[in-house]
């Protein structure tokens, strides 16, 4: 049993329609994923910036304290 040209054309049309539907659905999924990632990433980035700023402030304070303690340690060693 062989396929007629009409059968081949019908199958080709069906495959093109399926491909189009898959492409549309994949694009919708990608858009949804990117949207959700953006919703998550924006607050996460803000939190990371806040934490980085706090750590920088702690580092500066530790450095200042070290500078104040160092002269006392030097006097005790003498």
PDB file of N, CA and C in Angstrom:
ATOM      1  N   UNK A   1       0.846  -1.178   0.000  1.00  0.00           N
ATOM      2  CA  UNK A   1       0.000   0.000   0.000  1.00  0.00           C
ATOM      3  C   UNK A   1       0.893   1.243   0.000  1.00  0.00           C
ATOM      4  N   UNK A   2       0.733   2.094  -0.962  1.00  0.00           N
ATOM      5  CA  UNK A   2       1.520   3.324  -1.013  1.00  0.00           C
ATOM      6  C   UNK A   2       0.596   4.522  -0.845  1.00  0.00           C
ATOM      7  N   UNK A   3       1.200   5.607  -0.425  1.00  0.00           N
ATOM      8  CA  UNK A   3       0.426   6.822  -0.186  1.00  0.00           C
ATOM      9  C   UNK A   3       0.252   7.605  -1.481  1.00  0.00           C
ATOM     10  N   UNK A   4      -0.898   8.213  -1.574  1.00  0.00           N
ATOM     11  CA  UNK A   4      -1.136   9.076  -2.732  1.00  0.00           C
ATOM     12  C   UNK A   4      -0.522  10.448  -2.443  1.00  0.00           C
ATOM     13  N   UNK A   5      -0.417  11.237  -3.492  1.00  0.00           N
ATOM     14  CA  UNK A   5       0.085  12.602  -3.310  1.00  0.00           C
ATOM     15  C   UNK A   5      -0.818  13.379  -2.359  1.00  0.00           C
ATOM     16  N   UNK A   6      -2.106  13.135  -2.442  1.00  0.00           N
ATOM     17  CA  UNK A   6      -3.057  13.814  -1.559  1.00  0.00           C
ATOM     18  C   UNK A   6      -2.792  13.424  -0.101  1.00  0.00           C
ATOM     19  N   UNK A   7      -2.531  12.141   0.143  1.00  0.00           N
ATOM     20  CA  UNK A   7      -2.216  11.677   1.499  1.00  0.00           C
ATOM     21  C   UNK A   7      -0.924  12.316   2.000  1.00  0.00           C
ATOM     22  N   UNK A   8       0.082  12.343   1.177  1.00  0.00           N
ATOM     23  CA  UNK A   8       1.359  12.949   1.561  1.00  0.00           C
ATOM     24  C   UNK A   8       1.193  14.430   1.885  1.00  0.00           C
ATOM     25  N   UNK A   9       0.427  15.123   1.061  1.00  0.00           N
ATOM     26  CA  UNK A   9       0.180  16.549   1.307  1.00  0.00           C
ATOM     27  C   UNK A   9      -0.572  16.763   2.616  1.00  0.00           C
ATOM     28  N   UNK A  10      -1.559  15.887   2.871  1.00  0.00           N
ATOM     29  CA  UNK A  10      -2.337  16.016   4.114  1.00  0.00           C
ATOM     30  C   UNK A  10      -1.405  15.794   5.316  1.00  0.00           C
ATOM     31  N   UNK A  11      -0.582  14.773   5.256  1.00  0.00           N
ATOM     32  CA  UNK A  11       0.353  14.493   6.350  1.00  0.00           C
ATOM     33  C   UNK A  11       1.318  15.662   6.533  1.00  0.00           C
ATOM     34  N   UNK A  12       1.850  16.176   5.450  1.00  0.00           N
ATOM     35  CA  UNK A  12       2.778  17.313   5.534  1.00  0.00           C
ATOM     36  C   UNK A  12       2.088  18.518   6.166  1.00  0.00           C
ATOM     37  N   UNK A  13       0.838  18.780   5.781  1.00  0.00           N
ATOM     38  CA  UNK A  13       0.083  19.895   6.372  1.00  0.00           C
ATOM     39  C   UNK A  13      -0.120  19.679   7.869  1.00  0.00           C
ATOM     40  N   UNK A  14      -0.459  18.474   8.249  1.00  0.00           N
ATOM     41  CA  UNK A  14      -0.671  18.163   9.668  1.00  0.00           C
ATOM     42  C   UNK A  14       0.620  18.358  10.468  1.00  0.00           C
ATOM     43  N   UNK A  15       1.725  17.913   9.907  1.00  0.00           N
ATOM     44  CA  UNK A  15       3.005  18.083  10.586  1.00  0.00           C
ATOM     45  C   UNK A  15       3.382  19.562  10.729  1.00  0.00           C
ATOM     46  N   UNK A  16       3.118  20.357   9.692  1.00  0.00           N
ATOM     47  CA  UNK A  16       3.397  21.802   9.775  1.00  0.00           C
ATOM     48  C   UNK A  16       2.531  22.450  10.860  1.00  0.00           C
ATOM     49  N   UNK A  17       1.268  22.060  10.925  1.00  0.00           N
ATOM     50  CA  UNK A  17       0.382  22.612  11.959  1.00  0.00           C
ATOM     51  C   UNK A  17       0.860  22.233  13.349  1.00  0.00           C
ATOM     52  N   UNK A  18       1.273  20.979  13.514  1.00  0.00           N
ATOM     53  CA  UNK A  18       1.791  20.540  14.808  1.00  0.00           C
ATOM     54  C   UNK A  18       3.046  21.324  15.177  1.00  0.00           C
ATOM     55  N   UNK A  19       3.920  21.512  14.216  1.00  0.00           N
ATOM     56  CA  UNK A  19       5.149  22.257  14.474  1.00  0.00           C
ATOM     57  C   UNK A  19       4.827  23.686  14.893  1.00  0.00           C
ATOM     58  N   UNK A  20       3.879  24.303  14.213  1.00  0.00           N
ATOM     59  CA  UNK A  20       3.477  25.669  14.561  1.00  0.00           C
ATOM     60  C   UNK A  20       2.922  25.717  15.972  1.00  0.00           C
ATOM     61  N   UNK A  21       2.060  24.757  16.322  1.00  0.00           N
ATOM     62  CA  UNK A  21       1.491  24.730  17.680  1.00  0.00           C
ATOM     63  C   UNK A  21       2.578  24.527  18.723  1.00  0.00           C
ATOM     64  N   UNK A  22       3.530  23.634  18.433  1.00  0.00           N
ATOM     65  CA  UNK A  22       4.632  23.409  19.365  1.00  0.00           C
ATOM     66  C   UNK A  22       5.459  24.670  19.536  1.00  0.00           C
ATOM     67  N   UNK A  23       5.754  25.349  18.447  1.00  0.00           N
ATOM     68  CA  UNK A  23       6.553  26.576  18.531  1.00  0.00           C
ATOM     69  C   UNK A  23       5.845  27.635  19.361  1.00  0.00           C
ATOM     70  N   UNK A  24       4.541  27.768  19.156  1.00  0.00           N
ATOM     71  CA  UNK A  24       3.760  28.749  19.922  1.00  0.00           C
ATOM     72  C   UNK A  24       3.777  28.381  21.401  1.00  0.00           C
ATOM     73  N   UNK A  25       3.554  27.120  21.701  1.00  0.00           N
ATOM     74  CA  UNK A  25       3.517  26.667  23.098  1.00  0.00           C
ATOM     75  C   UNK A  25       4.892  26.834  23.761  1.00  0.00           C
ATOM     76  N   UNK A  26       5.950  26.502  23.050  1.00  0.00           N
ATOM     77  CA  UNK A  26       7.301  26.670  23.599  1.00  0.00           C
ATOM     78  C   UNK A  26       7.572  28.141  23.890  1.00  0.00           C
ATOM     79  N   UNK A  27       7.169  29.011  22.998  1.00  0.00           N
ATOM     80  CA  UNK A  27       7.356  30.449  23.225  1.00  0.00           C
ATOM     81  C   UNK A  27       6.585  30.906  24.459  1.00  0.00           C
ATOM     82  N   UNK A  28       5.361  30.405  24.639  1.00  0.00           N
ATOM     83  CA  UNK A  28       4.574  30.759  25.822  1.00  0.00           C
ATOM     84  C   UNK A  28       5.261  30.279  27.102  1.00  0.00           C
ATOM     85  N   UNK A  29       5.794  29.069  27.068  1.00  0.00           N
ATOM     86  CA  UNK A  29       6.482  28.529  28.243  1.00  0.00           C
ATOM     87  C   UNK A  29       7.740  29.337  28.541  1.00  0.00           C
ATOM     88  N   UNK A  30       8.507  29.662  27.509  1.00  0.00           N
ATOM     89  CA  UNK A  30       9.716  30.473  27.711  1.00  0.00           C
ATOM     90  C   UNK A  30       9.366  31.824  28.327  1.00  0.00           C
ATOM     91  N   UNK A  31       8.311  32.442  27.814  1.00  0.00           N
ATOM     92  CA  UNK A  31       7.893  33.742  28.333  1.00  0.00           C
ATOM     93  C   UNK A  31       7.491  33.630  29.796  1.00  0.00           C
ATOM     94  N   UNK A  32       6.730  32.595  30.122  1.00  0.00           N
ATOM     95  CA  UNK A  32       6.310  32.385  31.508  1.00  0.00           C
ATOM     96  C   UNK A  32       7.514  32.166  32.415  1.00  0.00           C
ATOM     97  N   UNK A  33       8.445  31.334  31.971  1.00  0.00           N
ATOM     98  CA  UNK A  33       9.639  31.076  32.784  1.00  0.00           C
ATOM     99  C   UNK A  33      10.465  32.339  32.994  1.00  0.00           C
ATOM    100  N   UNK A  34      10.658  33.101  31.929  1.00  0.00           N
ATOM    101  CA  UNK A  34      11.441  34.332  32.053  1.00  0.00           C
ATOM    102  C   UNK A  34      10.750  35.346  32.964  1.00  0.00           C
ATOM    103  N   UNK A  35       9.428  35.421  32.868  1.00  0.00           N
ATOM    104  CA  UNK A  35       8.669  36.333  33.725  1.00  0.00           C
ATOM    105  C   UNK A  35       8.825  35.947  35.189  1.00  0.00           C
ATOM    106  N   UNK A  36       8.664  34.659  35.481  1.00  0.00           N
ATOM    107  CA  UNK A  36       8.799  34.191  36.861  1.00  0.00           C
ATOM    108  C   UNK A  36      10.218  34.386  37.373  1.00  0.00           C
ATOM    109  N   UNK A  37      11.209  34.137  36.522  1.00  0.00           N
ATOM    110  CA  UNK A  37      12.592  34.354  36.933  1.00  0.00           C
ATOM    111  C   UNK A  37      12.821  35.830  37.261  1.00  0.00           C
ATOM    112  N   UNK A  38      12.297  36.705  36.425  1.00  0.00           N
ATOM    113  CA  UNK A  38      12.464  38.137  36.665  1.00  0.00           C
ATOM    114  C   UNK A  38      11.808  38.543  37.983  1.00  0.00           C
ATOM    115  N   UNK A  39      10.612  37.999  38.255  1.00  0.00           N
ATOM    116  CA  UNK A  39       9.933  38.311  39.519  1.00  0.00           C
ATOM    117  C   UNK A  39      10.778  37.872  40.708  1.00  0.00           C
ATOM    118  N   UNK A  40      11.446  36.725  40.570  1.00  0.00           N
ATOM    119  CA  UNK A  40      12.278  36.223  41.658  1.00  0.00           C
ATOM    120  C   UNK A  40      13.595  36.984  41.741  1.00  0.00           C
ATOM    121  N   UNK A  41      14.207  37.250  40.602  1.00  0.00           N
ATOM    122  CA  UNK A  41      15.555  37.818  40.570  1.00  0.00           C
ATOM    123  C   UNK A  41      15.590  39.258  41.060  1.00  0.00           C
ATOM    124  N   UNK A  42      14.573  40.033  40.781  1.00  0.00           N
ATOM    125  CA  UNK A  42      14.596  41.440  41.193  1.00  0.00           C
ATOM    126  C   UNK A  42      14.714  41.590  42.710  1.00  0.00           C
ATOM    127  N   UNK A  43      13.856  40.934  43.500  1.00  0.00           N
ATOM    128  CA  UNK A  43      14.017  41.047  44.956  1.00  0.00           C
ATOM    129  C   UNK A  43      15.304  40.384  45.454  1.00  0.00           C
ATOM    130  N   UNK A  44      15.707  39.295  44.837  1.00  0.00           N
ATOM    131  CA  UNK A  44      16.932  38.615  45.258  1.00  0.00           C
ATOM    132  C   UNK A  44      18.141  39.520  45.038  1.00  0.00           C
ATOM    133  N   UNK A  45      18.154  40.217  43.930  1.00  0.00           N
ATOM    134  CA  UNK A  45      19.260  41.133  43.640  1.00  0.00           C
ATOM    135  C   UNK A  45      19.286  42.285  44.651  1.00  0.00           C
ATOM    136  N   UNK A  46      18.102  42.788  44.987  1.00  0.00           N
ATOM    137  CA  UNK A  46      18.023  43.881  45.963  1.00  0.00           C
ATOM    138  C   UNK A  46      18.526  43.398  47.325  1.00  0.00           C
ATOM    139  N   UNK A  47      18.133  42.182  47.718  1.00  0.00           N
ATOM    140  CA  UNK A  47      18.613  41.635  48.994  1.00  0.00           C
ATOM    141  C   UNK A  47      20.130  41.465  48.974  1.00  0.00           C
ATOM    142  N   UNK A  48      20.652  40.985  47.863  1.00  0.00           N
ATOM    143  CA  UNK A  48      22.096  40.789  47.752  1.00  0.00           C
ATOM    144  C   UNK A  48      22.832  42.125  47.873  1.00  0.00           C
ATOM    145  N   UNK A  49      22.302  43.161  47.249  1.00  0.00           N
ATOM    146  CA  UNK A  49      22.927  44.483  47.351  1.00  0.00           C
ATOM    147  C   UNK A  49      22.899  44.987  48.790  1.00  0.00           C
ATOM    148  N   UNK A  50      21.761  44.770  49.468  1.00  0.00           N
ATOM    149  CA  UNK A  50      21.638  45.191  50.865  1.00  0.00           C
ATOM    150  C   UNK A  50      22.649  44.452  51.729  1.00  0.00           C
ATOM    151  N   UNK A  51      22.746  43.135  51.533  1.00  0.00           N
ATOM    152  CA  UNK A  51      23.706  42.345  52.311  1.00  0.00           C
ATOM    153  C   UNK A  51      25.137  42.790  52.037  1.00  0.00           C
ATOM    154  N   UNK A  52      25.440  43.076  50.794  1.00  0.00           N
ATOM    155  CA  UNK A  52      26.789  43.534  50.443  1.00  0.00           C
ATOM    156  C   UNK A  52      27.098  44.861  51.136  1.00  0.00           C
ATOM    157  N   UNK A  53      26.130  45.754  51.169  1.00  0.00           N
ATOM    158  CA  UNK A  53      26.339  47.048  51.821  1.00  0.00           C
ATOM    159  C   UNK A  53      26.559  46.860  53.324  1.00  0.00           C
ATOM    160  N   UNK A  54      25.800  45.970  53.933  1.00  0.00           N
ATOM    161  CA  UNK A  54      25.966  45.707  55.362  1.00  0.00           C
ATOM    162  C   UNK A  54      27.354  45.128  55.633  1.00  0.00           C
ATOM    163  N   UNK A  55      27.770  44.188  54.795  1.00  0.00           N
ATOM    164  CA  UNK A  55      29.098  43.588  54.982  1.00  0.00           C
ATOM    165  C   UNK A  55      30.213  44.620  54.813  1.00  0.00           C
ATOM    166  N   UNK A  56      30.059  45.527  53.850  1.00  0.00           N
ATOM    167  CA  UNK A  56      31.062  46.591  53.687  1.00  0.00           C
ATOM    168  C   UNK A  56      31.118  47.476  54.933  1.00  0.00           C
ATOM    169  N   UNK A  57      29.949  47.796  55.487  1.00  0.00           N
ATOM    170  CA  UNK A  57      29.906  48.630  56.690  1.00  0.00           C
ATOM    171  C   UNK A  57      30.562  47.907  57.870  1.00  0.00           C
ATOM    172  N   UNK A  58      30.315  46.611  57.999  1.00  0.00           N
ATOM    173  CA  UNK A  58      30.943  45.842  59.072  1.00  0.00           C
ATOM    174  C   UNK A  58      32.456  45.804  58.881  1.00  0.00           C
ATOM    175  N   UNK A  59      32.894  45.600  57.650  1.00  0.00           N
ATOM    176  CA  UNK A  59      34.337  45.593  57.372  1.00  0.00           C
ATOM    177  C   UNK A  59      34.983  46.913  57.766  1.00  0.00           C
ATOM    178  N   UNK A  60      34.344  48.026  57.413  1.00  0.00           N
ATOM    179  CA  UNK A  60      34.893  49.340  57.764  1.00  0.00           C
ATOM    180  C   UNK A  60      34.963  49.509  59.280  1.00  0.00           C
ATOM    181  N   UNK A  61      33.910  49.083  59.959  1.00  0.00           N
ATOM    182  CA  UNK A  61      33.898  49.209  61.419  1.00  0.00           C
ATOM    183  C   UNK A  61      34.986  48.342  62.052  1.00  0.00           C
ATOM    184  N   UNK A  62      35.164  47.131  61.536  1.00  0.00           N
ATOM    185  CA  UNK A  62      36.214  46.246  62.053  1.00  0.00           C
ATOM    186  C   UNK A  62      37.601  46.863  61.816  1.00  0.00           C
ATOM    187  N   UNK A  63      37.773  47.466  60.658  1.00  0.00           N
ATOM    188  CA  UNK A  63      39.051  48.106  60.354  1.00  0.00           C
ATOM    189  C   UNK A  63      39.319  49.265  61.309  1.00  0.00           C
ATOM    190  N   UNK A  64      38.282  50.057  61.588  1.00  0.00           N
ATOM    191  CA  UNK A  64      38.447  51.178  62.519  1.00  0.00           C
ATOM    192  C   UNK A  64      38.781  50.676  63.919  1.00  0.00           C
ATOM    193  N   UNK A  65      38.099  49.605  64.329  1.00  0.00           N
ATOM    194  CA  UNK A  65      38.381  49.049  65.655  1.00  0.00           C
ATOM    195  C   UNK A  65      39.806  48.494  65.720  1.00  0.00           C
ATOM    196  N   UNK A  66      40.224  47.844  64.649  1.00  0.00           N
ATOM    197  CA  UNK A  66      41.593  47.309  64.603  1.00  0.00           C
ATOM    198  C   UNK A  66      42.607  48.439  64.694  1.00  0.00           C
ATOM    199  N   UNK A  67      42.350  49.542  64.008  1.00  0.00           N
ATOM    200  CA  UNK A  67      43.256  50.692  64.056  1.00  0.00           C
ATOM    201  C   UNK A  67      43.338  51.269  65.474  1.00  0.00           C
ATOM    202  N   UNK A  68      42.228  51.228  66.205  1.00  0.00           N
ATOM    203  CA  UNK A  68      42.227  51.750  67.576  1.00  0.00           C
ATOM    204  C   UNK A  68      42.925  50.802  68.538  1.00  0.00           C
ATOM    205  N   UNK A  69      42.792  49.507  68.312  1.00  0.00           N
ATOM    206  CA  UNK A  69      43.367  48.519  69.226  1.00  0.00           C
ATOM    207  C   UNK A  69      44.856  48.343  68.985  1.00  0.00           C
ATOM    208  N   UNK A  70      45.298  48.468  67.757  1.00  0.00           N
ATOM    209  CA  UNK A  70      46.705  48.237  67.395  1.00  0.00           C
ATOM    210  C   UNK A  70      47.671  49.097  68.228  1.00  0.00           C
ATOM    211  N   UNK A  71      47.436  50.406  68.402  1.00  0.00           N
ATOM    212  CA  UNK A  71      48.385  51.199  69.223  1.00  0.00           C
ATOM    213  C   UNK A  71      48.448  50.702  70.659  1.00  0.00           C
ATOM    214  N   UNK A  72      47.355  50.237  71.220  1.00  0.00           N
ATOM    215  CA  UNK A  72      47.362  49.725  72.601  1.00  0.00           C
ATOM    216  C   UNK A  72      48.176  48.438  72.674  1.00  0.00           C
ATOM    217  N   UNK A  73      48.009  47.584  71.675  1.00  0.00           N
ATOM    218  CA  UNK A  73      48.779  46.337  71.647  1.00  0.00           C
ATOM    219  C   UNK A  73      50.269  46.640  71.536  1.00  0.00           C
ATOM    220  N   UNK A  74      50.621  47.645  70.750  1.00  0.00           N
ATOM    221  CA  UNK A  74      52.030  48.021  70.587  1.00  0.00           C
ATOM    222  C   UNK A  74      52.619  48.523  71.901  1.00  0.00           C
ATOM    223  N   UNK A  75      51.817  49.293  72.666  1.00  0.00           N
ATOM    224  CA  UNK A  75      52.303  49.820  73.956  1.00  0.00           C
ATOM    225  C   UNK A  75      52.485  48.689  74.969  1.00  0.00           C
ATOM    226  N   UNK A  76      51.582  47.709  74.950  1.00  0.00           N
ATOM    227  CA  UNK A  76      51.702  46.600  75.884  1.00  0.00           C
ATOM    228  C   UNK A  76      52.920  45.738  75.563  1.00  0.00           C
ATOM    229  N   UNK A  77      53.250  45.620  74.310  1.00  0.00           N
ATOM    230  CA  UNK A  77      54.376  44.788  73.891  1.00  0.00           C
ATOM    231  C   UNK A  77      55.709  45.436  74.298  1.00  0.00           C
ATOM    232  N   UNK A  78      55.727  46.735  74.454  1.00  0.00           N
ATOM    233  CA  UNK A  78      56.986  47.442  74.758  1.00  0.00           C
ATOM    234  C   UNK A  78      57.436  47.277  76.171  1.00  0.00           C
TER     235      UNK A  78
END
